[in-house]
N, C-alpha and C. Protein backbone atom coordinates (compact mmCIF):
# COMPACT_ATOMS: atom_id res chain seq x y z
N UNK A 1 2.56 -14.34 6.60
CA UNK A 1 3.98 -14.60 6.38
C UNK A 1 4.83 -13.99 7.49
N UNK A 2 4.17 -13.25 8.39
CA UNK A 2 4.88 -12.64 9.50
C UNK A 2 4.31 -11.28 9.83
N UNK A 3 4.97 -10.64 10.74
CA UNK A 3 4.51 -9.34 11.25
C UNK A 3 5.30 -8.20 10.59
N UNK A 4 4.57 -7.15 10.23
CA UNK A 4 5.18 -5.95 9.65
C UNK A 4 4.74 -4.76 10.50
N UNK A 5 5.70 -3.95 10.93
CA UNK A 5 5.39 -2.73 11.69
C UNK A 5 5.76 -1.53 10.84
N UNK A 6 4.82 -0.61 10.75
CA UNK A 6 5.00 0.58 9.93
C UNK A 6 4.91 1.82 10.82
N UNK A 7 5.87 2.71 10.66
CA UNK A 7 5.82 4.00 11.35
C UNK A 7 5.27 5.00 10.34
N UNK A 8 4.15 5.63 10.70
CA UNK A 8 3.55 6.59 9.78
C UNK A 8 3.98 8.01 10.13
N UNK A 9 3.91 8.88 9.14
CA UNK A 9 4.35 10.26 9.32
C UNK A 9 3.15 11.20 9.20
N UNK A 10 2.48 11.43 10.33
CA UNK A 10 1.28 12.26 10.35
C UNK A 10 1.59 13.74 10.12
N UNK A 11 2.83 14.15 10.37
CA UNK A 11 3.18 15.55 10.14
C UNK A 11 3.28 15.86 8.65
N UNK A 12 3.89 14.96 7.90
CA UNK A 12 4.08 15.22 6.47
C UNK A 12 2.91 14.75 5.61
N UNK A 13 2.10 13.84 6.13
CA UNK A 13 0.96 13.32 5.36
C UNK A 13 -0.27 13.19 6.27
N UNK A 14 -0.78 14.30 6.80
CA UNK A 14 -1.87 14.23 7.77
C UNK A 14 -3.18 13.65 7.23
N UNK A 15 -3.55 13.99 6.02
CA UNK A 15 -4.80 13.48 5.44
C UNK A 15 -4.68 11.97 5.20
N UNK A 16 -3.54 11.58 4.65
CA UNK A 16 -3.31 10.18 4.31
C UNK A 16 -3.25 9.31 5.56
N UNK A 17 -2.52 9.76 6.58
CA UNK A 17 -2.41 8.96 7.79
C UNK A 17 -3.75 8.87 8.52
N UNK A 18 -4.51 9.95 8.55
CA UNK A 18 -5.83 9.91 9.18
C UNK A 18 -6.72 8.89 8.46
N UNK A 19 -6.66 8.89 7.14
CA UNK A 19 -7.43 7.94 6.33
C UNK A 19 -7.00 6.49 6.63
N UNK A 20 -5.70 6.24 6.62
CA UNK A 20 -5.15 4.90 6.86
C UNK A 20 -5.54 4.41 8.25
N UNK A 21 -5.40 5.27 9.25
CA UNK A 21 -5.76 4.90 10.62
C UNK A 21 -7.25 4.58 10.72
N UNK A 22 -8.09 5.33 10.03
CA UNK A 22 -9.53 5.06 10.09
C UNK A 22 -9.86 3.68 9.51
N UNK A 23 -9.15 3.27 8.46
CA UNK A 23 -9.36 1.93 7.91
C UNK A 23 -8.88 0.86 8.90
N UNK A 24 -7.76 1.11 9.57
CA UNK A 24 -7.26 0.16 10.57
C UNK A 24 -8.26 0.05 11.73
N UNK A 25 -8.69 1.19 12.26
CA UNK A 25 -9.60 1.18 13.41
C UNK A 25 -10.93 0.50 13.10
N UNK A 26 -11.37 0.56 11.87
CA UNK A 26 -12.64 -0.07 11.49
C UNK A 26 -12.49 -1.57 11.23
N UNK A 27 -11.24 -2.07 11.18
CA UNK A 27 -11.00 -3.48 10.87
C UNK A 27 -11.07 -3.78 9.38
N UNK A 28 -11.14 -2.76 8.56
CA UNK A 28 -11.29 -2.92 7.11
C UNK A 28 -10.23 -3.83 6.49
N UNK A 29 -8.97 -3.65 6.89
CA UNK A 29 -7.88 -4.37 6.24
C UNK A 29 -7.81 -5.85 6.61
N UNK A 30 -8.42 -6.23 7.71
CA UNK A 30 -8.33 -7.62 8.16
C UNK A 30 -9.10 -8.51 7.19
N UNK A 31 -8.38 -9.50 6.65
CA UNK A 31 -8.97 -10.40 5.66
C UNK A 31 -8.73 -9.94 4.23
N UNK A 32 -8.13 -8.75 4.06
CA UNK A 32 -7.75 -8.36 2.70
C UNK A 32 -6.41 -9.01 2.38
N UNK A 33 -6.03 -8.93 1.13
CA UNK A 33 -4.81 -9.60 0.68
C UNK A 33 -3.86 -8.62 0.01
N UNK A 34 -2.63 -9.05 -0.11
CA UNK A 34 -1.71 -8.38 -1.03
C UNK A 34 -2.06 -8.96 -2.40
N UNK A 35 -2.80 -8.18 -3.17
CA UNK A 35 -3.37 -8.69 -4.42
C UNK A 35 -2.49 -8.44 -5.64
N UNK A 36 -1.43 -7.69 -5.46
CA UNK A 36 -0.56 -7.37 -6.60
C UNK A 36 0.88 -7.34 -6.10
N UNK A 37 1.69 -8.21 -6.64
CA UNK A 37 3.10 -8.29 -6.26
C UNK A 37 3.93 -8.25 -7.53
N UNK A 38 4.69 -7.19 -7.68
CA UNK A 38 5.61 -7.08 -8.81
C UNK A 38 7.01 -7.09 -8.21
N UNK A 39 7.70 -8.20 -8.44
CA UNK A 39 9.00 -8.45 -7.82
C UNK A 39 9.96 -7.28 -8.04
N UNK A 40 10.61 -6.90 -6.97
CA UNK A 40 11.59 -5.81 -6.97
C UNK A 40 11.01 -4.48 -7.44
N UNK A 41 9.71 -4.29 -7.18
CA UNK A 41 9.03 -3.02 -7.44
C UNK A 41 8.17 -2.67 -6.23
N UNK A 42 7.08 -3.44 -6.03
CA UNK A 42 6.20 -3.15 -4.89
C UNK A 42 5.25 -4.30 -4.64
N UNK A 43 4.67 -4.29 -3.41
CA UNK A 43 3.61 -5.21 -3.03
C UNK A 43 2.40 -4.34 -2.66
N UNK A 44 1.26 -4.64 -3.26
CA UNK A 44 0.07 -3.80 -3.09
C UNK A 44 -1.04 -4.56 -2.40
N UNK A 45 -1.71 -3.90 -1.46
CA UNK A 45 -2.81 -4.52 -0.74
C UNK A 45 -3.83 -3.50 -0.30
N UNK A 46 -4.80 -4.03 0.48
CA UNK A 46 -5.77 -3.15 1.10
C UNK A 46 -7.05 -2.90 0.35
N UNK A 47 -7.41 -3.78 -0.59
CA UNK A 47 -8.64 -3.52 -1.32
C UNK A 47 -9.45 -4.74 -1.71
N UNK A 48 -8.83 -5.92 -1.70
CA UNK A 48 -9.50 -7.12 -2.18
C UNK A 48 -9.47 -8.23 -1.14
N UNK A 49 -10.51 -9.08 -1.18
CA UNK A 49 -10.52 -10.26 -0.31
C UNK A 49 -9.86 -11.42 -1.05
N UNK A 50 -9.84 -12.60 -0.43
CA UNK A 50 -9.16 -13.77 -1.00
C UNK A 50 -9.73 -14.24 -2.34
N UNK A 51 -10.96 -13.87 -2.63
CA UNK A 51 -11.58 -14.27 -3.90
C UNK A 51 -11.51 -13.14 -4.93
N UNK A 52 -10.66 -12.15 -4.63
CA UNK A 52 -10.45 -11.00 -5.51
C UNK A 52 -11.72 -10.17 -5.70
N UNK A 53 -12.55 -10.16 -4.66
CA UNK A 53 -13.70 -9.25 -4.63
C UNK A 53 -13.21 -7.95 -4.03
N UNK A 54 -13.47 -6.84 -4.73
CA UNK A 54 -13.05 -5.54 -4.22
C UNK A 54 -14.01 -5.08 -3.13
N UNK A 55 -13.44 -4.64 -2.01
CA UNK A 55 -14.25 -4.17 -0.89
C UNK A 55 -14.70 -2.73 -1.13
N UNK A 56 -15.91 -2.39 -0.72
CA UNK A 56 -16.35 -0.99 -0.83
C UNK A 56 -15.53 -0.11 0.11
N UNK A 57 -15.18 1.06 -0.37
CA UNK A 57 -14.31 1.95 0.39
C UNK A 57 -15.01 3.27 0.72
N UNK A 58 -14.34 4.03 1.55
CA UNK A 58 -14.77 5.40 1.85
C UNK A 58 -14.40 6.26 0.63
N UNK A 59 -14.62 7.55 0.73
CA UNK A 59 -14.30 8.44 -0.37
C UNK A 59 -12.81 8.53 -0.66
N UNK A 60 -12.50 9.12 -1.79
CA UNK A 60 -11.12 9.34 -2.18
C UNK A 60 -10.54 10.52 -1.40
N UNK A 61 -9.22 10.53 -1.27
CA UNK A 61 -8.56 11.58 -0.49
C UNK A 61 -7.64 12.42 -1.37
N UNK A 62 -7.30 13.57 -0.85
CA UNK A 62 -6.38 14.48 -1.55
C UNK A 62 -4.97 13.89 -1.53
N UNK A 63 -4.31 13.99 -2.65
CA UNK A 63 -2.95 13.50 -2.82
C UNK A 63 -1.97 14.43 -2.10
N UNK A 64 -1.15 13.85 -1.22
CA UNK A 64 -0.14 14.62 -0.49
C UNK A 64 1.28 14.24 -0.92
N UNK A 65 1.44 13.85 -2.17
CA UNK A 65 2.75 13.40 -2.64
C UNK A 65 3.80 14.50 -2.68
N UNK A 66 3.38 15.75 -2.53
CA UNK A 66 4.33 16.87 -2.53
C UNK A 66 4.86 17.16 -1.11
N UNK A 67 4.89 16.12 -0.27
CA UNK A 67 5.29 16.28 1.14
C UNK A 67 6.78 16.09 1.39
N UNK A 68 7.54 15.81 0.36
CA UNK A 68 8.99 15.64 0.51
C UNK A 68 9.44 14.21 0.78
N UNK A 69 8.49 13.30 1.08
CA UNK A 69 8.86 11.90 1.32
C UNK A 69 9.02 11.20 -0.03
N UNK A 70 9.96 10.28 -0.11
CA UNK A 70 10.31 9.62 -1.37
C UNK A 70 9.92 8.14 -1.35
N UNK A 71 9.65 7.60 -2.53
CA UNK A 71 9.31 6.19 -2.69
C UNK A 71 10.59 5.35 -2.71
N UNK A 72 11.17 5.20 -1.53
CA UNK A 72 12.37 4.39 -1.38
C UNK A 72 11.97 3.01 -0.82
N UNK A 73 12.92 2.09 -0.88
CA UNK A 73 12.65 0.73 -0.43
C UNK A 73 12.12 0.73 1.00
N UNK A 74 11.07 -0.04 1.20
CA UNK A 74 10.37 -0.26 2.48
C UNK A 74 9.49 0.91 2.91
N UNK A 75 9.28 1.90 2.06
CA UNK A 75 8.31 2.93 2.39
C UNK A 75 6.93 2.46 1.96
N UNK A 76 5.90 3.01 2.61
CA UNK A 76 4.51 2.71 2.27
C UNK A 76 3.90 3.96 1.63
N UNK A 77 3.15 3.73 0.56
CA UNK A 77 2.53 4.83 -0.18
C UNK A 77 1.11 4.43 -0.56
N UNK A 78 0.32 5.43 -0.92
CA UNK A 78 -1.05 5.18 -1.35
C UNK A 78 -1.08 4.81 -2.83
N UNK A 79 -1.87 3.78 -3.13
CA UNK A 79 -2.13 3.42 -4.52
C UNK A 79 -3.23 4.34 -5.03
N UNK A 80 -3.21 4.61 -6.31
CA UNK A 80 -4.22 5.46 -6.91
C UNK A 80 -4.38 5.09 -8.37
N UNK A 81 -5.38 5.65 -9.00
CA UNK A 81 -5.57 5.45 -10.44
C UNK A 81 -4.77 6.53 -11.17
N UNK A 82 -5.06 6.72 -12.43
CA UNK A 82 -4.41 7.78 -13.20
C UNK A 82 -4.83 9.17 -12.69
N UNK A 83 -5.92 9.23 -11.95
CA UNK A 83 -6.38 10.49 -11.38
C UNK A 83 -5.59 10.75 -10.09
N UNK A 84 -4.94 11.90 -9.97
CA UNK A 84 -4.06 12.15 -8.82
C UNK A 84 -4.72 12.05 -7.45
N UNK A 85 -5.97 12.43 -7.33
CA UNK A 85 -6.63 12.46 -6.02
C UNK A 85 -7.64 11.31 -5.88
N UNK A 86 -7.23 10.12 -6.28
CA UNK A 86 -8.15 8.97 -6.30
C UNK A 86 -7.84 7.90 -5.27
N UNK A 87 -6.86 8.10 -4.40
CA UNK A 87 -6.51 7.09 -3.39
C UNK A 87 -7.65 6.94 -2.39
N UNK A 88 -7.86 5.69 -1.96
CA UNK A 88 -8.86 5.44 -0.90
C UNK A 88 -8.24 4.48 0.11
N UNK A 89 -8.40 3.17 -0.07
CA UNK A 89 -7.89 2.22 0.92
C UNK A 89 -6.61 1.51 0.51
N UNK A 90 -6.36 1.39 -0.78
CA UNK A 90 -5.23 0.59 -1.23
C UNK A 90 -3.90 1.31 -1.03
N UNK A 91 -2.92 0.53 -0.64
CA UNK A 91 -1.58 1.03 -0.38
C UNK A 91 -0.58 0.08 -1.00
N UNK A 92 0.66 0.50 -1.06
CA UNK A 92 1.73 -0.41 -1.49
C UNK A 92 2.98 -0.13 -0.69
N UNK A 93 3.79 -1.17 -0.58
CA UNK A 93 5.10 -1.06 0.06
C UNK A 93 6.13 -1.22 -1.04
N UNK A 94 6.99 -0.23 -1.17
CA UNK A 94 8.05 -0.28 -2.17
C UNK A 94 9.06 -1.35 -1.80
N UNK A 95 9.41 -2.21 -2.76
CA UNK A 95 10.41 -3.24 -2.52
C UNK A 95 11.71 -2.91 -3.26
N UNK A 96 11.79 -1.67 -3.74
CA UNK A 96 12.98 -1.11 -4.38
C UNK A 96 12.86 0.40 -4.27
N UNK A 97 13.93 1.08 -4.60
CA UNK A 97 13.85 2.54 -4.69
C UNK A 97 13.13 2.88 -6.00
N UNK A 98 11.99 3.55 -5.88
CA UNK A 98 11.14 3.84 -7.04
C UNK A 98 10.94 5.35 -7.20
N UNK A 99 12.04 6.04 -7.46
CA UNK A 99 11.96 7.50 -7.54
C UNK A 99 11.09 7.99 -8.69
N UNK A 100 10.83 7.15 -9.67
CA UNK A 100 9.94 7.55 -10.77
C UNK A 100 8.49 7.70 -10.31
N UNK A 101 8.17 7.28 -9.07
CA UNK A 101 6.84 7.47 -8.50
C UNK A 101 6.73 8.75 -7.67
N UNK A 102 7.86 9.41 -7.48
CA UNK A 102 7.89 10.61 -6.64
C UNK A 102 7.24 11.81 -7.32
N UNK A 103 6.84 12.75 -6.49
CA UNK A 103 6.33 14.05 -6.95
C UNK A 103 7.46 14.81 -7.60
N UNK A 104 7.26 15.54 -8.70
CA UNK A 104 6.04 15.56 -9.51
C UNK A 104 6.13 14.60 -10.70
N UNK A 105 5.03 13.96 -11.00
CA UNK A 105 4.91 13.13 -12.19
C UNK A 105 4.44 14.01 -13.35
N UNK A 106 4.20 13.40 -14.50
CA UNK A 106 3.71 14.16 -15.65
C UNK A 106 2.37 14.83 -15.35
N UNK A 107 1.57 14.22 -14.46
CA UNK A 107 0.28 14.81 -14.12
C UNK A 107 0.42 15.87 -13.02
N UNK A 108 1.65 16.16 -12.62
CA UNK A 108 1.88 17.17 -11.59
C UNK A 108 1.88 16.61 -10.18
N UNK A 109 1.65 15.31 -10.04
CA UNK A 109 1.59 14.67 -8.74
C UNK A 109 2.52 13.47 -8.71
N UNK A 110 2.39 12.64 -7.72
CA UNK A 110 3.15 11.40 -7.58
C UNK A 110 2.34 10.46 -6.72
N UNK A 111 3.01 9.52 -6.08
CA UNK A 111 2.36 8.56 -5.20
C UNK A 111 2.78 8.91 -3.78
N UNK A 112 1.81 9.20 -2.93
CA UNK A 112 2.05 9.74 -1.60
C UNK A 112 2.63 8.71 -0.65
N UNK A 113 3.88 8.94 -0.26
CA UNK A 113 4.53 8.16 0.80
C UNK A 113 4.06 8.73 2.13
N UNK A 114 3.70 7.83 3.06
CA UNK A 114 3.23 8.30 4.36
C UNK A 114 3.83 7.52 5.52
N UNK A 115 4.81 6.69 5.25
CA UNK A 115 5.45 5.94 6.33
C UNK A 115 6.51 5.01 5.82
N UNK A 116 7.05 4.23 6.77
CA UNK A 116 8.14 3.31 6.44
C UNK A 116 8.04 2.07 7.32
N UNK A 117 8.38 0.93 6.73
CA UNK A 117 8.44 -0.32 7.48
C UNK A 117 9.66 -0.23 8.41
N UNK A 118 9.40 -0.36 9.72
CA UNK A 118 10.51 -0.28 10.68
C UNK A 118 10.85 -1.65 11.29
N UNK A 119 9.93 -2.60 11.16
CA UNK A 119 10.17 -3.99 11.57
C UNK A 119 9.44 -4.88 10.57
N UNK A 120 10.07 -5.99 10.24
CA UNK A 120 9.43 -6.92 9.33
C UNK A 120 9.84 -6.74 7.88
N UNK A 121 10.98 -6.11 7.66
CA UNK A 121 11.47 -5.99 6.28
C UNK A 121 11.67 -7.37 5.66
N UNK A 122 12.04 -8.35 6.49
CA UNK A 122 12.21 -9.71 5.99
C UNK A 122 10.88 -10.28 5.50
N UNK A 123 9.77 -9.90 6.13
CA UNK A 123 8.44 -10.34 5.70
C UNK A 123 8.10 -9.70 4.35
N UNK A 124 8.38 -8.41 4.24
CA UNK A 124 8.17 -7.72 2.96
C UNK A 124 8.98 -8.42 1.86
N UNK A 125 10.23 -8.76 2.18
CA UNK A 125 11.08 -9.45 1.20
C UNK A 125 10.51 -10.81 0.81
N UNK A 126 9.90 -11.53 1.76
CA UNK A 126 9.27 -12.82 1.45
C UNK A 126 8.10 -12.63 0.51
N UNK A 127 7.26 -11.64 0.80
CA UNK A 127 6.11 -11.37 -0.06
C UNK A 127 6.58 -10.98 -1.46
N UNK A 128 7.63 -10.21 -1.53
CA UNK A 128 8.21 -9.78 -2.80
C UNK A 128 8.61 -10.96 -3.68
N UNK A 129 8.88 -12.11 -3.07
CA UNK A 129 9.38 -13.28 -3.80
C UNK A 129 8.29 -14.29 -4.19
N UNK A 130 7.03 -14.06 -3.81
CA UNK A 130 6.00 -15.07 -4.08
C UNK A 130 5.75 -15.23 -5.57
N UNK A 131 5.30 -16.41 -5.94
CA UNK A 131 4.91 -16.68 -7.34
C UNK A 131 3.57 -16.02 -7.62
N UNK A 132 3.44 -15.45 -8.81
CA UNK A 132 2.21 -14.76 -9.17
C UNK A 132 1.60 -15.34 -10.44
N UNK A 133 0.35 -14.97 -10.68
CA UNK A 133 -0.38 -15.45 -11.84
C UNK A 133 -1.41 -14.39 -12.25
N UNK A 134 -2.23 -14.75 -13.21
CA UNK A 134 -3.37 -13.90 -13.59
C UNK A 134 -4.61 -14.45 -12.89
N UNK A 135 -5.51 -13.55 -12.52
CA UNK A 135 -6.77 -13.94 -11.90
C UNK A 135 -7.83 -13.05 -12.52
N UNK A 136 -8.56 -13.58 -13.48
CA UNK A 136 -9.52 -12.76 -14.21
C UNK A 136 -8.79 -11.67 -14.95
N UNK A 137 -9.20 -10.43 -14.74
CA UNK A 137 -8.55 -9.30 -15.41
C UNK A 137 -7.29 -8.83 -14.68
N UNK A 138 -7.01 -9.40 -13.54
CA UNK A 138 -5.89 -8.96 -12.70
C UNK A 138 -4.62 -9.75 -13.00
N UNK A 139 -3.51 -9.05 -13.03
CA UNK A 139 -2.22 -9.71 -13.20
C UNK A 139 -1.39 -9.50 -11.95
N UNK A 140 -0.32 -10.27 -11.85
CA UNK A 140 0.62 -10.17 -10.71
C UNK A 140 -0.03 -10.52 -9.38
N UNK A 141 -1.01 -11.42 -9.42
CA UNK A 141 -1.73 -11.86 -8.22
C UNK A 141 -0.99 -13.07 -7.63
N UNK A 142 -0.66 -13.03 -6.34
CA UNK A 142 -0.01 -14.20 -5.74
C UNK A 142 -0.82 -15.48 -5.95
N UNK A 143 -0.13 -16.56 -6.34
CA UNK A 143 -0.79 -17.86 -6.53
C UNK A 143 -1.43 -18.33 -5.24
N UNK A 144 -0.77 -18.11 -4.13
CA UNK A 144 -1.31 -18.43 -2.81
C UNK A 144 -1.57 -17.11 -2.10
N UNK A 145 -2.80 -16.87 -1.66
CA UNK A 145 -3.12 -15.57 -1.06
C UNK A 145 -2.20 -15.20 0.11
N UNK A 146 -1.79 -13.95 0.11
CA UNK A 146 -1.02 -13.39 1.22
C UNK A 146 -2.01 -12.49 1.97
N UNK A 147 -2.51 -13.02 3.07
CA UNK A 147 -3.63 -12.40 3.79
C UNK A 147 -3.17 -11.50 4.92
N UNK A 148 -3.80 -10.35 5.02
CA UNK A 148 -3.59 -9.47 6.17
C UNK A 148 -4.56 -9.96 7.25
N UNK A 149 -4.03 -10.60 8.29
CA UNK A 149 -4.87 -11.21 9.30
C UNK A 149 -5.34 -10.22 10.37
N UNK A 150 -4.44 -9.32 10.77
CA UNK A 150 -4.77 -8.40 11.85
C UNK A 150 -4.01 -7.10 11.67
N UNK A 151 -4.68 -6.00 12.01
CA UNK A 151 -4.02 -4.69 12.01
C UNK A 151 -4.28 -4.02 13.34
N UNK A 152 -3.25 -3.42 13.88
CA UNK A 152 -3.37 -2.71 15.16
C UNK A 152 -2.57 -1.42 15.09
N UNK A 153 -2.88 -0.55 16.02
CA UNK A 153 -2.16 0.72 16.13
C UNK A 153 -1.46 0.75 17.49
N UNK A 154 -0.17 1.03 17.47
CA UNK A 154 0.60 1.19 18.69
C UNK A 154 0.94 2.66 18.83
N UNK A 155 0.75 3.17 20.01
CA UNK A 155 1.02 4.61 20.22
C UNK A 155 2.28 4.82 20.99
């Protein structure tokens, strides 16, 4: 749907950014999809292929949600399960201000923000508007796959 550029914050989220960069450098994200889109909340990707097969990931990382960064519109954060330190490859881009995801949550943690979209907000907005459906046990899946074709790092 277009190009998105993200500026990551290695000072405030060193573990998370190192993990994210390692997935980019390995080519892991290429061919994955934004598999969960909840309008005016977030778009989530980085774990499934076009047939909703989950890709095998590296180990889970320590949650750095206590870094002072907030889940505001166009920020990128790590997706996780109910377990605070369960993030691996999946991430989401906030499409609204979601302060209820900030540190500290009831479990004492939050969702770790590690960067912000600096170009391509219009692309994020387009993805935010796609029609979704159910796919097996998954809900909020785009009817037409939104594929991550290429990932690169600019220094």
